[in-house]
Amino acid sequence: MRFSDRQLTLTGWWLFVTSAFFFIVSTLRAGDMIGLIGACAFMAANISFLIPFYRRSSHEDHED
């Protein structure tokens, strides 16, 4: 089974989002505010990289 470059890239970004979520949970449990700020920034960055993939795909769907 072969995945397209787009599928592999999206999978990678979703794995980063998942890891960011666990970093947030971990820092909350530890009470580490600096770590929490960093984990939230990491999550925001990952989401910002995902937005163009979904914006582009919905835009392409409307062009047909």
Protein backbone atom coordinates (compact mmCIF):
# COMPACT_ATOMS: atom_id res chain seq x y z
CA MET A 1 0.00 0.00 0.00
CA ARG A 2 1.47 3.32 -1.07
CA PHE A 3 0.59 6.64 0.47
CA SER A 4 0.74 9.93 -1.38
CA ASP A 5 3.12 12.65 -0.22
CA ARG A 6 0.11 14.61 1.01
CA GLN A 7 -1.15 11.68 3.11
CA LEU A 8 2.28 11.11 4.65
CA THR A 9 2.72 14.80 5.43
CA LEU A 10 -0.73 15.03 7.03
CA THR A 11 -0.06 11.91 9.06
CA GLY A 12 3.19 13.42 10.29
CA TRP A 13 1.52 16.68 11.30
CA TRP A 14 -1.28 14.82 13.13
CA LEU A 15 1.35 12.82 15.01
CA PHE A 16 2.95 16.12 16.05
CA VAL A 17 -0.46 17.39 17.23
CA THR A 18 -0.91 14.19 19.23
CA SER A 19 2.51 14.57 20.84
CA ALA A 20 1.79 18.23 21.63
CA PHE A 21 -1.41 17.16 23.37
CA PHE A 22 0.52 14.72 25.55
CA PHE A 23 3.15 17.38 26.32
CA ILE A 24 0.34 19.66 27.49
CA VAL A 25 -1.13 16.93 29.71
CA SER A 26 2.30 16.08 31.10
CA THR A 27 3.19 19.67 31.96
CA LEU A 28 -0.22 20.23 33.55
CA ARG A 29 0.30 17.18 35.76
CA ALA A 30 3.80 18.37 36.70
CA GLY A 31 2.65 21.95 37.34
CA ASP A 32 5.35 23.30 35.00
CA MET A 33 4.05 26.63 33.69
CA ILE A 34 7.03 27.32 31.39
CA GLY A 35 6.68 23.83 29.91
CA LEU A 36 2.93 24.38 29.50
CA ILE A 37 3.52 27.62 27.59
CA GLY A 38 6.01 25.84 25.34
CA ALA A 39 3.67 22.87 24.80
CA CYS A 40 0.77 25.18 23.91
CA ALA A 41 2.98 27.10 21.48
CA PHE A 42 4.03 23.76 19.95
CA MET A 43 0.35 22.78 19.54
CA ALA A 44 -0.53 26.14 17.98
CA ALA A 45 2.36 25.86 15.53
CA ASN A 46 1.32 22.37 14.49
CA ILE A 47 -2.26 23.44 13.92
CA SER A 48 -1.10 26.45 11.91
CA PHE A 49 0.83 24.12 9.60
CA LEU A 50 -2.28 21.94 9.11
CA ILE A 51 -4.61 24.80 8.12
CA PRO A 52 -3.30 25.20 4.54
CA PHE A 53 -3.78 21.48 3.84
CA TYR A 54 -7.46 21.66 4.71
CA ARG A 55 -8.02 25.08 3.19
CA ARG A 56 -6.47 23.95 -0.08
CA SER A 57 -8.45 20.68 -0.21
CA SER A 58 -11.79 22.41 0.39
CA HIS A 59 -10.87 25.08 -2.19
CA GLU A 60 -9.98 22.38 -4.75
CA ASP A 61 -13.32 20.64 -4.11
CA HIS A 62 -15.25 23.79 -5.07
CA GLU A 63 -13.40 24.33 -8.35
CA ASP A 64 -15.01 21.34 -10.12
